[in-house]
Amino acid sequence: MESALLVVDGANVVGSRPDGWWRDRLGAAVRLRDRLVPLATAGHPDLPPPVEVVLVVEGAARGVPGTPEVRVVSAPGSGDDAIVDLVRVTPASRRRVVVTADRELRARVVELGAEIRGPRWIDLGR
């Protein structure tokens, strides 16, 4: 069985929690990356494993290192454009899920056949 692709809009998900992320955007992105690690092997109630997890970061969060479980993509420009590109190059036969609350991004990736989940979805599976 081919693994699902889970693409996380780092800026949007980090920004959904008022935990002081704006003081340390890089640190906030690292904490998010670490919260995503279990999804790669354990999946989520509505996304069975294995899952290829990709965290897309931009701006001050660029440079967050990946882990064996979470690939980190540092967008050279717009994180939204990088996410759309990831969805576009992934075969439509593969399940593609994007985590974001950004309405414009949601519309762009749904048009390409991706599923959408909101930022809170990440923590609901635990």
C-alpha atoms as a PDB file:
ATOM      1  CA  MET A   1       0.000   0.000   0.000  1.00  0.00           C
ATOM      2  CA  GLU A   2       1.365   3.398  -0.982  1.00  0.00           C
ATOM      3  CA  SER A   3       1.787   5.818   1.895  1.00  0.00           C
ATOM      4  CA  ALA A   4      -0.395   8.891   2.100  1.00  0.00           C
ATOM      5  CA  LEU A   5       1.227  12.292   1.723  1.00  0.00           C
ATOM      6  CA  LEU A   6       0.546  14.702   4.581  1.00  0.00           C
ATOM      7  CA  VAL A   7       1.647  18.274   3.841  1.00  0.00           C
ATOM      8  CA  VAL A   8       1.553  20.729   6.740  1.00  0.00           C
ATOM      9  CA  ASP A   9       1.401  24.502   6.237  1.00  0.00           C
ATOM     10  CA  GLY A  10       3.898  25.378   8.953  1.00  0.00           C
ATOM     11  CA  ALA A  11       3.230  29.126   9.125  1.00  0.00           C
ATOM     12  CA  ASN A  12      -0.521  28.649   9.270  1.00  0.00           C
ATOM     13  CA  VAL A  13      -0.491  25.856  11.844  1.00  0.00           C
ATOM     14  CA  VAL A  14       2.062  27.585  14.088  1.00  0.00           C
ATOM     15  CA  GLY A  15       0.044  30.810  13.842  1.00  0.00           C
ATOM     16  CA  SER A  16      -3.118  29.047  14.995  1.00  0.00           C
ATOM     17  CA  ARG A  17      -1.778  28.685  18.566  1.00  0.00           C
ATOM     18  CA  PRO A  18      -1.293  31.862  20.618  1.00  0.00           C
ATOM     19  CA  ASP A  19       1.716  30.472  22.472  1.00  0.00           C
ATOM     20  CA  GLY A  20       4.236  33.237  21.790  1.00  0.00           C
ATOM     21  CA  TRP A  21       5.422  31.753  18.476  1.00  0.00           C
ATOM     22  CA  TRP A  22       6.030  35.251  17.082  1.00  0.00           C
ATOM     23  CA  ARG A  23       8.972  35.709  19.466  1.00  0.00           C
ATOM     24  CA  ASP A  24      10.751  32.604  18.126  1.00  0.00           C
ATOM     25  CA  ARG A  25       9.431  31.495  14.747  1.00  0.00           C
ATOM     26  CA  LEU A  26      12.253  29.010  14.200  1.00  0.00           C
ATOM     27  CA  GLY A  27      11.703  27.410  17.617  1.00  0.00           C
ATOM     28  CA  ALA A  28       7.952  27.243  17.007  1.00  0.00           C
ATOM     29  CA  ALA A  29       8.550  25.438  13.698  1.00  0.00           C
ATOM     30  CA  VAL A  30      10.872  22.948  15.436  1.00  0.00           C
ATOM     31  CA  ARG A  31       8.207  22.255  18.080  1.00  0.00           C
ATOM     32  CA  LEU A  32       5.625  21.685  15.330  1.00  0.00           C
ATOM     33  CA  ARG A  33       7.995  19.356  13.469  1.00  0.00           C
ATOM     34  CA  ASP A  34       8.436  17.335  16.653  1.00  0.00           C
ATOM     35  CA  ARG A  35       4.647  17.112  17.169  1.00  0.00           C
ATOM     36  CA  LEU A  36       4.360  15.670  13.642  1.00  0.00           C
ATOM     37  CA  VAL A  37       6.860  12.816  14.161  1.00  0.00           C
ATOM     38  CA  PRO A  38       4.328  10.274  15.539  1.00  0.00           C
ATOM     39  CA  LEU A  39       2.058  10.767  12.512  1.00  0.00           C
ATOM     40  CA  ALA A  40       4.656   9.215  10.208  1.00  0.00           C
ATOM     41  CA  THR A  41       4.552   5.820  11.892  1.00  0.00           C
ATOM     42  CA  ALA A  42       1.305   5.772  13.878  1.00  0.00           C
ATOM     43  CA  GLY A  43      -0.851   7.710  11.434  1.00  0.00           C
ATOM     44  CA  HIS A  44      -4.055   9.358  12.590  1.00  0.00           C
ATOM     45  CA  PRO A  45      -7.554   7.953  13.185  1.00  0.00           C
ATOM     46  CA  ASP A  46      -8.590   8.988   9.662  1.00  0.00           C
ATOM     47  CA  LEU A  47      -5.158   8.583   8.045  1.00  0.00           C
ATOM     48  CA  PRO A  48      -3.694   5.112   8.544  1.00  0.00           C
ATOM     49  CA  PRO A  49       0.066   4.566   8.488  1.00  0.00           C
ATOM     50  CA  PRO A  50       2.469   4.729   6.885  1.00  0.00           C
ATOM     51  CA  VAL A  51       2.320   8.466   6.221  1.00  0.00           C
ATOM     52  CA  GLU A  52       4.909  10.598   4.446  1.00  0.00           C
ATOM     53  CA  VAL A  53       4.926  13.800   6.496  1.00  0.00           C
ATOM     54  CA  VAL A  54       6.157  17.033   4.921  1.00  0.00           C
ATOM     55  CA  LEU A  55       6.347  20.298   6.856  1.00  0.00           C
ATOM     56  CA  VAL A  56       6.577  23.405   4.678  1.00  0.00           C
ATOM     57  CA  VAL A  57       8.212  26.407   6.343  1.00  0.00           C
ATOM     58  CA  GLU A  58       8.902  29.915   5.111  1.00  0.00           C
ATOM     59  CA  GLY A  59      10.393  33.208   6.244  1.00  0.00           C
ATOM     60  CA  ALA A  60      12.145  33.178   9.609  1.00  0.00           C
ATOM     61  CA  ALA A  61      11.390  29.469  10.017  1.00  0.00           C
ATOM     62  CA  ARG A  62      13.482  28.483   6.997  1.00  0.00           C
ATOM     63  CA  GLY A  63      16.348  26.230   7.915  1.00  0.00           C
ATOM     64  CA  VAL A  64      14.500  23.936  10.296  1.00  0.00           C
ATOM     65  CA  PRO A  65      16.183  20.564   9.847  1.00  0.00           C
ATOM     66  CA  GLY A  66      14.148  17.536   8.916  1.00  0.00           C
ATOM     67  CA  THR A  67      14.101  14.270  10.821  1.00  0.00           C
ATOM     68  CA  PRO A  68      13.903  10.713   9.516  1.00  0.00           C
ATOM     69  CA  GLU A  69      10.129  10.909  10.070  1.00  0.00           C
ATOM     70  CA  VAL A  70       9.388  14.468   8.895  1.00  0.00           C
ATOM     71  CA  ARG A  71      10.755  16.009   5.717  1.00  0.00           C
ATOM     72  CA  VAL A  72      11.039  19.778   6.004  1.00  0.00           C
ATOM     73  CA  VAL A  73      10.766  21.925   2.889  1.00  0.00           C
ATOM     74  CA  SER A  74      12.051  25.486   3.235  1.00  0.00           C
ATOM     75  CA  ALA A  75      10.019  27.417   0.690  1.00  0.00           C
ATOM     76  CA  PRO A  76      12.219  29.775  -1.333  1.00  0.00           C
ATOM     77  CA  GLY A  77       9.246  32.136  -1.669  1.00  0.00           C
ATOM     78  CA  SER A  78       5.619  31.586  -0.762  1.00  0.00           C
ATOM     79  CA  GLY A  79       4.928  28.586   1.434  1.00  0.00           C
ATOM     80  CA  ASP A  80       1.522  28.288  -0.219  1.00  0.00           C
ATOM     81  CA  ASP A  81       3.116  27.995  -3.655  1.00  0.00           C
ATOM     82  CA  ALA A  82       5.502  25.316  -2.363  1.00  0.00           C
ATOM     83  CA  ILE A  83       2.562  23.347  -0.933  1.00  0.00           C
ATOM     84  CA  VAL A  84       0.626  23.587  -4.199  1.00  0.00           C
ATOM     85  CA  ASP A  85       3.724  22.391  -6.079  1.00  0.00           C
ATOM     86  CA  LEU A  86       4.100  19.381  -3.732  1.00  0.00           C
ATOM     87  CA  VAL A  87       0.480  18.401  -4.253  1.00  0.00           C
ATOM     88  CA  ARG A  88       0.710  18.950  -8.016  1.00  0.00           C
ATOM     89  CA  VAL A  89       3.761  16.678  -8.491  1.00  0.00           C
ATOM     90  CA  THR A  90       2.339  13.879  -6.337  1.00  0.00           C
ATOM     91  CA  PRO A  91       0.324  11.385  -8.392  1.00  0.00           C
ATOM     92  CA  ALA A  92      -3.435  11.794  -8.057  1.00  0.00           C
ATOM     93  CA  SER A  93      -3.646   8.071  -7.296  1.00  0.00           C
ATOM     94  CA  ARG A  94      -1.914   8.741  -3.975  1.00  0.00           C
ATOM     95  CA  ARG A  95      -3.886  10.136  -1.038  1.00  0.00           C
ATOM     96  CA  ARG A  96      -2.823  13.746  -0.439  1.00  0.00           C
ATOM     97  CA  VAL A  97      -3.849  15.609   2.726  1.00  0.00           C
ATOM     98  CA  VAL A  98      -2.994  19.254   3.427  1.00  0.00           C
ATOM     99  CA  VAL A  99      -3.235  20.758   6.917  1.00  0.00           C
ATOM    100  CA  THR A 100      -4.059  24.468   6.790  1.00  0.00           C
ATOM    101  CA  ALA A 101      -6.781  26.965   7.656  1.00  0.00           C
ATOM    102  CA  ASP A 102      -5.817  29.291   4.793  1.00  0.00           C
ATOM    103  CA  ARG A 103      -8.927  29.579   2.587  1.00  0.00           C
ATOM    104  CA  GLU A 104      -7.102  30.471  -0.600  1.00  0.00           C
ATOM    105  CA  LEU A 105      -4.607  27.627  -0.190  1.00  0.00           C
ATOM    106  CA  ARG A 106      -7.427  25.220   0.629  1.00  0.00           C
ATOM    107  CA  ALA A 107      -9.184  26.098  -2.630  1.00  0.00           C
ATOM    108  CA  ARG A 108      -5.982  25.718  -4.643  1.00  0.00           C
ATOM    109  CA  VAL A 109      -5.141  22.231  -3.364  1.00  0.00           C
ATOM    110  CA  VAL A 110      -8.712  20.938  -3.366  1.00  0.00           C
ATOM    111  CA  GLU A 111      -8.796  21.835  -7.058  1.00  0.00           C
ATOM    112  CA  LEU A 112      -5.847  19.435  -7.442  1.00  0.00           C
ATOM    113  CA  GLY A 113      -7.681  16.659  -5.596  1.00  0.00           C
ATOM    114  CA  ALA A 114      -6.167  17.003  -2.121  1.00  0.00           C
ATOM    115  CA  GLU A 115      -8.080  16.592   1.124  1.00  0.00           C
ATOM    116  CA  ILE A 116      -8.033  19.347   3.749  1.00  0.00           C
ATOM    117  CA  ARG A 117      -7.684  19.236   7.507  1.00  0.00           C
ATOM    118  CA  GLY A 118      -7.601  22.161   9.921  1.00  0.00           C
ATOM    119  CA  PRO A 119      -4.681  22.894  12.275  1.00  0.00           C
ATOM    120  CA  ARG A 120      -6.360  21.291  15.309  1.00  0.00           C
ATOM    121  CA  TRP A 121      -6.587  17.973  13.451  1.00  0.00           C
ATOM    122  CA  ILE A 122      -2.904  17.314  14.232  1.00  0.00           C
ATOM    123  CA  ASP A 123      -3.556  17.044  17.962  1.00  0.00           C
ATOM    124  CA  LEU A 124      -6.959  15.305  17.736  1.00  0.00           C
ATOM    125  CA  GLY A 125      -5.382  11.980  16.904  1.00  0.00           C
ATOM    126  CA  ARG A 126      -3.570  11.655  20.209  1.00  0.00           C
END
